Amino acid sequence: SGVPGGEDDGHASLADGLRHTAGCPADLPAVGDWVLAAVRPAEGTATIHRVLARKSCFSRAAAGRSAEVQIVAANIDTVLIVTSCNRDFNLRRLERYLALAWESGATPVVVLNKADLFEGDVERWHADIGPVMQGVPVAITSAVRGDGLTDLREILRSSGTTALLGSSGVGKSTLINALTGDSGQVVLPIRDGDHRGRHSTTARQLFFRPGGGILIDTPGMRELQLWDAGGGLDQAFADVESLATACRFRDCSHGSEPGCAVLAAVERGELEAGRLDSYHRLRREDAFLQSRRDERTQSERTRIA
């Protein structure tokens, strides 16, 4: 881990006590964390003894079947969810990012990048995806042409710590270079066949932007499993939750029950069927992961006993 000393960076290791008292990997330092450390400036090294309480935390379920959380970034004020205007755009994936962003405690902003590659009317497209945004601000950008960069710089200046999240190839590294006035981030072209991106960022990094604001860049994520995202789903699907208050039954599952206000809205064309399907899918995934966590907790208690 890098620990600043004045204007310099150094390498830090974990104190043995911190390693032993950490209940799980999520208790160890992550990018964006504030820590108590013994710094040795002459050596350019430090030892981390304690991780301070996090005010926000963007997390996801770790890959595999371990039922563990992975901290993507901590203490972030604003999450820039970067997606591209080319064929890789995926509305359902955006809903997933928004749920996790709301759950993190940070404020989400959606960035529709690579506007120079979009052949249609970007503003009309922006209006069409409005129901999914649920009031979340949207910035339309092109790092190549410079579109929208002034707005993003203002967000960075006023937000404190901002994390960029998104899939590979959406242009996060190019945006970082444009926003920091540097060319330190490696950028790679998207694939010709399917417009999917290549990994250019391989580790989470933190940047201090000239003019104010801290930027956290993250590797592109092809897998983004939910982690305890119940409250985030409520906010990401506020339209569905609002309709549900008019259902005949309080525990309506919005599947086939009579008097379901959500299904009635779909029939009237007021709610997209694909959005309701996404809502059901993410709710099931969150419940499944919750059951895996409960099973693991019970197993650990049994082992200790």
Protein backbone atom coordinates (compact mmCIF):
# COMPACT_ATOMS: atom_id res chain seq x y z
CA SER A 1 0.00 0.00 0.00
CA GLY A 2 1.17 3.53 -0.70
CA VAL A 3 1.35 5.88 2.29
CA PRO A 4 2.03 9.57 1.60
CA GLY A 5 4.66 11.36 3.63
CA GLY A 6 4.50 15.04 2.71
CA GLU A 7 4.38 14.94 -1.07
CA ASP A 8 6.12 11.58 -1.42
CA ASP A 9 4.77 8.05 -1.54
CA GLY A 10 6.12 5.05 0.30
CA HIS A 11 5.47 1.37 0.81
CA ALA A 12 3.56 0.18 3.86
CA SER A 13 3.20 -3.20 5.49
CA LEU A 14 0.63 -4.44 7.98
CA ALA A 15 1.48 -4.77 11.65
CA ASP A 16 1.21 -8.34 12.92
CA GLY A 17 -1.46 -7.27 15.40
CA LEU A 18 -3.66 -5.91 12.61
CA ARG A 19 -3.32 -9.11 10.61
CA HIS A 20 -4.35 -11.21 13.62
CA THR A 21 -7.29 -9.06 14.75
CA ALA A 22 -8.86 -8.62 11.32
CA GLY A 23 -12.04 -10.65 11.26
CA CYS A 24 -12.06 -10.92 7.47
CA PRO A 25 -10.19 -9.49 4.46
CA ALA A 26 -12.62 -6.55 4.40
CA ASP A 27 -11.13 -5.34 7.70
CA LEU A 28 -7.73 -4.83 6.06
CA PRO A 29 -6.77 -1.55 4.35
CA ALA A 30 -8.28 -0.80 0.95
CA VAL A 31 -7.75 2.09 -1.45
CA GLY A 32 -9.27 5.24 0.05
CA ASP A 33 -8.87 4.11 3.66
CA TRP A 34 -7.43 6.38 6.32
CA VAL A 35 -5.03 4.55 8.62
CA LEU A 36 -2.86 5.03 11.69
CA ALA A 37 0.69 4.17 10.75
CA ALA A 38 4.24 4.44 12.00
CA VAL A 39 6.01 6.22 9.15
CA ARG A 40 9.76 5.98 8.51
CA PRO A 41 10.42 8.87 6.07
CA ALA A 42 14.10 8.15 5.66
CA GLU A 43 13.32 4.63 4.47
CA GLY A 44 10.18 5.53 2.54
CA THR A 45 8.28 2.83 4.44
CA ALA A 46 5.56 2.58 7.09
CA THR A 47 3.74 0.05 9.24
CA ILE A 48 -0.07 0.23 9.38
CA HIS A 49 -1.48 -0.44 12.85
CA ARG A 50 -5.13 0.50 12.49
CA VAL A 51 -7.77 1.20 9.82
CA LEU A 52 -10.05 4.09 10.79
CA ALA A 53 -13.82 3.76 10.52
CA ARG A 54 -15.12 4.12 6.95
CA LYS A 55 -17.78 6.70 6.16
CA SER A 56 -18.66 4.92 2.90
CA CYS A 57 -17.62 1.74 1.17
CA PHE A 58 -18.27 0.40 -2.34
CA SER A 59 -18.16 -3.38 -2.04
CA ARG A 60 -19.11 -6.47 -4.00
CA ALA A 61 -19.17 -10.20 -3.41
CA ALA A 62 -15.76 -11.68 -4.11
CA ALA A 63 -15.51 -13.97 -7.11
CA GLY A 64 -16.01 -17.67 -6.43
CA ARG A 65 -18.08 -19.38 -3.76
CA SER A 66 -16.38 -18.05 -0.63
CA ALA A 67 -19.25 -15.72 0.36
CA GLU A 68 -16.74 -12.99 1.23
CA VAL A 69 -16.92 -9.28 0.59
CA GLN A 70 -14.36 -7.41 -1.52
CA ILE A 71 -13.82 -3.72 -0.82
CA VAL A 72 -13.47 -1.87 -4.11
CA ALA A 73 -12.98 1.63 -2.67
CA ALA A 74 -13.52 3.26 0.73
CA ASN A 75 -14.40 6.74 2.01
CA ILE A 76 -15.70 7.91 -1.34
CA ASP A 77 -18.05 10.89 -1.64
CA THR A 78 -19.07 10.41 -5.27
CA VAL A 79 -19.12 7.36 -7.54
CA LEU A 80 -18.75 8.02 -11.25
CA ILE A 81 -20.37 5.03 -12.95
CA VAL A 82 -18.74 5.15 -16.37
CA THR A 83 -20.39 3.44 -19.32
CA SER A 84 -19.86 3.89 -23.04
CA CYS A 85 -22.14 5.04 -25.81
CA ASN A 86 -21.12 2.22 -28.15
CA ARG A 87 -22.54 -1.30 -28.48
CA ASP A 88 -21.16 -2.32 -25.08
CA PHE A 89 -23.80 -0.18 -23.33
CA ASN A 90 -25.98 -2.35 -21.07
CA LEU A 91 -28.95 -0.89 -19.20
CA ARG A 92 -29.32 -3.91 -16.92
CA ARG A 93 -25.66 -3.73 -15.87
CA LEU A 94 -26.15 -0.04 -15.11
CA GLU A 95 -29.00 -0.89 -12.72
CA ARG A 96 -26.65 -3.25 -10.87
CA TYR A 97 -23.96 -0.55 -10.53
CA LEU A 98 -26.52 1.97 -9.28
CA ALA A 99 -27.79 -0.42 -6.58
CA LEU A 100 -24.26 -0.98 -5.25
CA ALA A 101 -23.41 2.71 -5.50
CA TRP A 102 -26.44 3.71 -3.42
CA GLU A 103 -25.66 0.99 -0.88
CA SER A 104 -22.07 2.28 -0.54
CA GLY A 105 -23.20 5.53 1.04
CA ALA A 106 -21.69 7.63 -1.76
CA THR A 107 -23.57 9.73 -4.31
CA PRO A 108 -23.74 8.16 -7.78
CA VAL A 109 -23.28 10.04 -11.05
CA VAL A 110 -23.64 8.23 -14.38
CA VAL A 111 -21.10 9.13 -17.07
CA LEU A 112 -22.09 8.26 -20.64
CA ASN A 113 -18.63 8.32 -22.18
CA LYS A 114 -17.41 8.02 -25.79
CA ALA A 115 -20.20 10.25 -27.09
CA ASP A 116 -18.08 10.66 -30.23
CA LEU A 117 -18.81 7.00 -31.11
CA PHE A 118 -22.60 7.32 -30.82
CA GLU A 119 -24.25 7.69 -34.21
CA GLY A 120 -27.72 8.71 -33.00
CA ASP A 121 -29.09 11.58 -30.94
CA VAL A 122 -27.28 11.37 -27.60
CA GLU A 123 -29.70 13.75 -25.86
CA ARG A 124 -32.72 11.71 -26.96
CA TRP A 125 -31.01 8.52 -25.80
CA HIS A 126 -30.34 10.24 -22.49
CA ALA A 127 -34.06 10.94 -22.16
CA ASP A 128 -34.95 7.34 -23.03
CA ILE A 129 -32.87 5.91 -20.18
CA GLY A 130 -34.25 8.46 -17.70
CA PRO A 131 -36.53 5.96 -15.86
CA VAL A 132 -33.51 3.86 -14.91
CA MET A 133 -31.62 6.89 -13.59
CA GLN A 134 -34.28 7.71 -10.95
CA GLY A 135 -32.96 11.26 -10.66
CA VAL A 136 -29.26 10.34 -10.69
CA PRO A 137 -27.25 13.05 -12.52
CA VAL A 138 -25.96 12.07 -15.95
CA ALA A 139 -22.89 13.53 -17.67
CA ILE A 140 -22.40 12.95 -21.41
CA THR A 141 -18.69 12.98 -22.18
CA SER A 142 -16.06 12.37 -24.82
CA ALA A 143 -12.50 12.39 -23.57
CA VAL A 144 -11.37 12.57 -27.19
CA ARG A 145 -13.35 15.71 -28.07
CA GLY A 146 -13.48 17.15 -24.57
CA ASP A 147 -17.28 16.99 -24.25
CA GLY A 148 -18.54 17.25 -20.68
CA LEU A 149 -15.10 17.46 -19.06
CA THR A 150 -15.83 20.88 -17.55
CA ASP A 151 -18.83 19.43 -15.73
CA LEU A 152 -16.79 16.47 -14.48
CA ARG A 153 -14.01 18.74 -13.22
CA GLU A 154 -16.58 20.69 -11.21
CA ILE A 155 -17.92 17.45 -9.72
CA LEU A 156 -14.38 16.44 -8.74
CA ARG A 157 -13.58 19.84 -7.29
CA SER A 158 -16.64 19.85 -5.03
CA SER A 159 -16.88 16.17 -4.15
CA GLY A 160 -13.76 15.43 -2.13
CA THR A 161 -13.00 11.81 -3.08
CA THR A 162 -14.42 10.40 -6.31
CA ALA A 163 -14.16 6.82 -7.57
CA LEU A 164 -14.49 5.80 -11.21
CA LEU A 165 -16.20 2.45 -11.72
CA GLY A 166 -17.20 0.60 -14.86
CA SER A 167 -16.46 -2.26 -17.21
CA SER A 168 -13.28 -2.62 -19.25
CA GLY A 169 -13.12 -0.43 -22.30
CA VAL A 170 -15.54 2.31 -21.23
CA GLY A 171 -12.71 4.88 -21.18
CA LYS A 172 -11.98 5.36 -17.47
CA SER A 173 -8.22 5.61 -17.98
CA THR A 174 -8.64 8.12 -20.81
CA LEU A 175 -10.93 10.20 -18.60
CA ILE A 176 -8.38 10.04 -15.76
CA ASN A 177 -5.67 11.35 -18.09
CA ALA A 178 -7.93 14.17 -19.30
CA LEU A 179 -9.07 15.16 -15.81
CA THR A 180 -5.61 15.09 -14.22
CA GLY A 181 -3.82 16.69 -17.17
CA ASP A 182 -1.47 13.73 -17.26
CA SER A 183 -0.92 10.81 -19.64
CA GLY A 184 0.23 8.34 -17.00
CA GLN A 185 -2.67 5.93 -17.42
CA VAL A 186 -2.19 3.32 -20.14
CA VAL A 187 -5.08 3.20 -22.62
CA LEU A 188 -5.92 0.39 -25.04
CA PRO A 189 -8.30 0.32 -28.03
CA ILE A 190 -11.54 -1.67 -27.84
CA ARG A 191 -11.82 -4.90 -29.81
CA ASP A 192 -13.03 -4.54 -33.38
CA GLY A 193 -15.33 -7.57 -33.37
CA ASP A 194 -17.63 -6.85 -30.43
CA HIS A 195 -16.55 -3.39 -29.15
CA ARG A 196 -15.66 -4.96 -25.78
CA GLY A 197 -12.84 -3.43 -23.82
CA ARG A 198 -9.40 -4.62 -22.84
CA HIS A 199 -8.01 -4.30 -19.31
CA SER A 200 -5.60 -1.37 -19.13
CA THR A 201 -5.93 -0.65 -15.39
CA THR A 202 -4.83 -3.68 -13.35
CA ALA A 203 -4.84 -2.24 -9.82
CA ARG A 204 -6.79 0.37 -7.87
CA GLN A 205 -4.97 3.70 -7.81
CA LEU A 206 -5.46 7.05 -6.08
CA PHE A 207 -4.66 10.42 -7.69
CA PHE A 208 -4.58 13.97 -6.31
CA ARG A 209 -6.06 16.16 -9.03
CA PRO A 210 -4.58 19.63 -9.67
CA GLY A 211 -7.20 22.18 -8.64
CA GLY A 212 -8.71 19.99 -5.93
CA GLY A 213 -10.27 16.59 -5.52
CA ILE A 214 -9.05 13.03 -5.11
CA LEU A 215 -9.63 10.45 -7.85
CA ILE A 216 -9.69 6.67 -7.42
CA ASP A 217 -9.37 4.57 -10.56
CA THR A 218 -10.43 0.92 -10.47
CA PRO A 219 -9.86 -1.98 -12.87
CA GLY A 220 -12.69 -2.81 -15.23
CA MET A 221 -15.12 -5.25 -13.65
CA ARG A 222 -16.68 -7.97 -15.77
CA GLU A 223 -18.28 -9.59 -12.72
CA LEU A 224 -20.19 -7.45 -10.25
CA GLN A 225 -22.06 -9.54 -7.70
CA LEU A 226 -24.23 -7.80 -5.14
CA TRP A 227 -23.25 -7.67 -1.49
CA ASP A 228 -25.92 -6.83 1.09
CA ALA A 229 -27.54 -4.43 -1.36
CA GLY A 230 -31.12 -4.40 -0.06
CA GLY A 231 -31.22 -0.68 0.68
CA GLY A 232 -29.39 0.13 -2.54
CA LEU A 233 -31.95 -1.84 -4.54
CA ASP A 234 -34.74 0.13 -2.86
CA GLN A 235 -33.19 3.36 -4.17
CA ALA A 236 -32.14 2.07 -7.59
CA PHE A 237 -35.68 0.77 -8.16
CA ALA A 238 -37.55 3.53 -6.37
CA ASP A 239 -40.18 3.55 -9.13
CA VAL A 240 -41.00 -0.13 -8.56
CA GLU A 241 -41.04 0.32 -4.77
CA SER A 242 -43.37 3.32 -5.10
CA LEU A 243 -45.81 1.36 -7.27
CA ALA A 244 -45.70 -1.55 -4.81
CA THR A 245 -47.28 0.57 -2.08
CA ALA A 246 -50.58 0.33 -4.02
CA CYS A 247 -50.55 -3.48 -4.30
CA ARG A 248 -53.51 -5.30 -2.72
CA PHE A 249 -51.25 -7.51 -0.60
CA ARG A 250 -48.47 -6.10 1.56
CA ASP A 251 -46.19 -9.07 0.79
CA CYS A 252 -46.92 -9.01 -2.96
CA SER A 253 -44.08 -10.53 -4.97
CA HIS A 254 -45.18 -8.80 -8.19
CA GLY A 255 -45.36 -12.15 -9.92
CA SER A 256 -48.96 -13.29 -10.44
CA GLU A 257 -50.92 -11.97 -7.46
CA PRO A 258 -54.28 -10.29 -8.09
CA GLY A 259 -54.35 -6.58 -7.45
CA CYS A 260 -50.63 -6.11 -8.14
CA ALA A 261 -50.06 -2.44 -8.94
CA VAL A 262 -46.59 -3.17 -10.36
CA LEU A 263 -47.88 -5.68 -12.94
CA ALA A 264 -50.70 -3.29 -13.81
CA ALA A 265 -48.13 -0.58 -14.54
CA VAL A 266 -46.30 -2.98 -16.89
CA GLU A 267 -49.57 -3.74 -18.71
CA ARG A 268 -50.27 -0.01 -19.12
CA GLY A 269 -46.78 0.55 -20.51
CA GLU A 270 -45.78 2.76 -17.56
CA LEU A 271 -43.06 0.35 -16.41
CA GLU A 272 -40.77 -1.54 -18.76
CA ALA A 273 -41.11 -5.32 -18.42
CA GLY A 274 -37.33 -5.70 -18.69
CA ARG A 275 -36.86 -3.39 -15.71
CA LEU A 276 -39.24 -5.47 -13.58
CA ASP A 277 -37.39 -8.64 -14.65
CA SER A 278 -34.11 -7.00 -13.59
CA TYR A 279 -35.65 -6.03 -10.24
CA HIS A 280 -36.72 -9.65 -9.61
CA ARG A 281 -33.34 -11.04 -10.68
CA LEU A 282 -31.32 -8.70 -8.43
CA ARG A 283 -33.63 -9.30 -5.47
CA ARG A 284 -33.18 -13.08 -5.88
CA GLU A 285 -29.41 -12.70 -6.16
CA ASP A 286 -29.25 -10.54 -3.03
CA ALA A 287 -31.37 -13.05 -1.08
CA PHE A 288 -29.20 -15.95 -2.27
CA LEU A 289 -25.99 -14.24 -1.20
CA GLN A 290 -27.57 -13.39 2.15
CA SER A 291 -28.37 -17.06 2.71
CA ARG A 292 -24.77 -18.01 1.84
CA ARG A 293 -23.47 -15.49 4.37
CA ASP A 294 -25.84 -16.83 7.03
CA GLU A 295 -24.75 -20.42 6.33
CA ARG A 296 -21.09 -19.45 6.60
CA THR A 297 -21.68 -17.56 9.85
CA GLN A 298 -23.52 -20.53 11.35
CA SER A 299 -20.75 -22.90 10.20
CA GLU A 300 -18.08 -20.74 11.84
CA ARG A 301 -20.06 -20.54 15.10
CA THR A 302 -20.43 -24.32 15.12
CA ARG A 303 -16.70 -24.80 14.50
CA ILE A 304 -15.75 -22.41 17.31
CA ALA A 305 -18.18 -24.08 19.72
